[in-house]
Amino acid sequence: MTEPDNTHELVRQFIDALKEHNLGVDNEEHKAHHEFLKILLEREHRSQARWDRVREQVVGWALIAFLGGIGTAVYSWLINLKDHAK
């Protein structure tokens, strides 16, 4: 059962090494990057929500237009049927 302990130790060493090697980015700059990414994600969520609302409205108006077209066709058919019944 020494293998899992050894694996955990290697993972821990790897994580420690990554923490030490920060690619020249200090903590403040790193925080700024996270804030910027948060702003971008929020903007993307708002944009997606906006498109969802537009899509819902377009589908709603298309349904209203379709039902209106059916109503107009039925009305015309009934008027035509009444005219031919005379």
Protein backbone atom coordinates (compact mmCIF):
# COMPACT_ATOMS: atom_id res chain seq x y z
CA MET A 1 0.00 0.00 0.00
CA THR A 2 2.94 2.35 -0.46
CA GLU A 3 1.88 3.32 -3.98
CA PRO A 4 -1.08 5.61 -3.01
CA ASP A 5 1.06 7.41 -0.42
CA ASN A 6 3.79 7.87 -3.01
CA THR A 7 1.26 9.15 -5.57
CA HIS A 8 -0.20 11.64 -3.10
CA GLU A 9 3.29 12.85 -2.24
CA LEU A 10 4.13 13.34 -5.93
CA VAL A 11 0.92 15.26 -6.49
CA ARG A 12 1.62 17.42 -3.43
CA GLN A 13 5.17 18.13 -4.69
CA PHE A 14 3.83 18.99 -8.12
CA ILE A 15 1.28 21.44 -6.69
CA ASP A 16 3.94 23.04 -4.49
CA ALA A 17 6.21 23.42 -7.51
CA LEU A 18 3.40 25.09 -9.48
CA LYS A 19 2.75 27.49 -6.62
CA GLU A 20 6.41 28.48 -6.49
CA HIS A 21 6.64 28.98 -10.26
CA ASN A 22 4.25 31.87 -10.84
CA LEU A 23 5.48 32.83 -14.34
CA GLY A 24 6.38 36.34 -13.21
CA VAL A 25 2.87 37.30 -12.11
CA ASP A 26 2.59 38.73 -8.63
CA ASN A 27 -0.47 38.16 -6.45
CA GLU A 28 -2.02 41.58 -7.13
CA GLU A 29 -1.77 41.12 -10.87
CA HIS A 30 -3.15 37.61 -10.52
CA LYS A 31 -6.14 39.00 -8.57
CA ALA A 32 -6.64 41.62 -11.29
CA HIS A 33 -6.70 38.85 -13.90
CA HIS A 34 -9.36 37.01 -11.95
CA GLU A 35 -11.46 40.17 -11.63
CA PHE A 36 -11.15 40.79 -15.36
CA LEU A 37 -12.22 37.22 -16.14
CA LYS A 38 -15.15 37.62 -13.75
CA ILE A 39 -16.24 40.77 -15.60
CA LEU A 40 -15.95 38.99 -18.96
CA LEU A 41 -18.00 36.04 -17.72
CA GLU A 42 -20.70 38.33 -16.33
CA ARG A 43 -20.83 40.21 -19.64
CA GLU A 44 -21.15 36.92 -21.52
CA HIS A 45 -23.97 35.78 -19.21
CA ARG A 46 -25.85 39.07 -19.72
CA SER A 47 -25.40 38.80 -23.48
CA GLN A 48 -26.64 35.21 -23.50
CA ALA A 49 -29.66 36.17 -21.37
CA ARG A 50 -30.43 39.03 -23.77
CA TRP A 51 -30.34 36.69 -26.77
CA ASP A 52 -32.56 34.21 -24.92
CA ARG A 53 -35.15 36.96 -24.33
CA VAL A 54 -34.98 38.05 -27.98
CA ARG A 55 -35.41 34.46 -29.14
CA GLU A 56 -38.45 34.02 -26.89
CA GLN A 57 -40.03 37.22 -28.21
CA VAL A 58 -39.41 36.27 -31.85
CA VAL A 59 -40.94 32.83 -31.32
CA GLY A 60 -43.91 34.42 -29.54
CA TRP A 61 -44.55 36.93 -32.32
CA ALA A 62 -44.13 34.21 -34.97
CA LEU A 63 -46.75 32.12 -33.18
CA ILE A 64 -49.13 35.10 -33.00
CA ALA A 65 -48.61 35.81 -36.71
CA PHE A 66 -49.18 32.14 -37.60
CA LEU A 67 -52.39 31.96 -35.57
CA GLY A 68 -53.52 35.27 -37.06
CA GLY A 69 -52.91 33.87 -40.55
CA ILE A 70 -54.98 30.80 -39.74
CA GLY A 71 -57.75 33.01 -38.37
CA THR A 72 -57.70 35.18 -41.51
CA ALA A 73 -57.80 32.12 -43.76
CA VAL A 74 -60.75 30.62 -41.83
CA TYR A 75 -62.58 33.95 -41.91
CA SER A 76 -62.05 34.27 -45.69
CA TRP A 77 -63.20 30.69 -46.19
CA LEU A 78 -66.36 31.30 -44.16
CA ILE A 79 -67.16 34.52 -46.07
CA ASN A 80 -66.57 32.71 -49.37
CA LEU A 81 -68.76 29.81 -48.21
CA LYS A 82 -71.53 32.23 -47.22
CA ASP A 83 -71.35 34.02 -50.59
CA HIS A 84 -71.62 30.74 -52.51
CA ALA A 85 -74.52 29.56 -50.35
CA LYS A 86 -76.79 32.36 -51.71
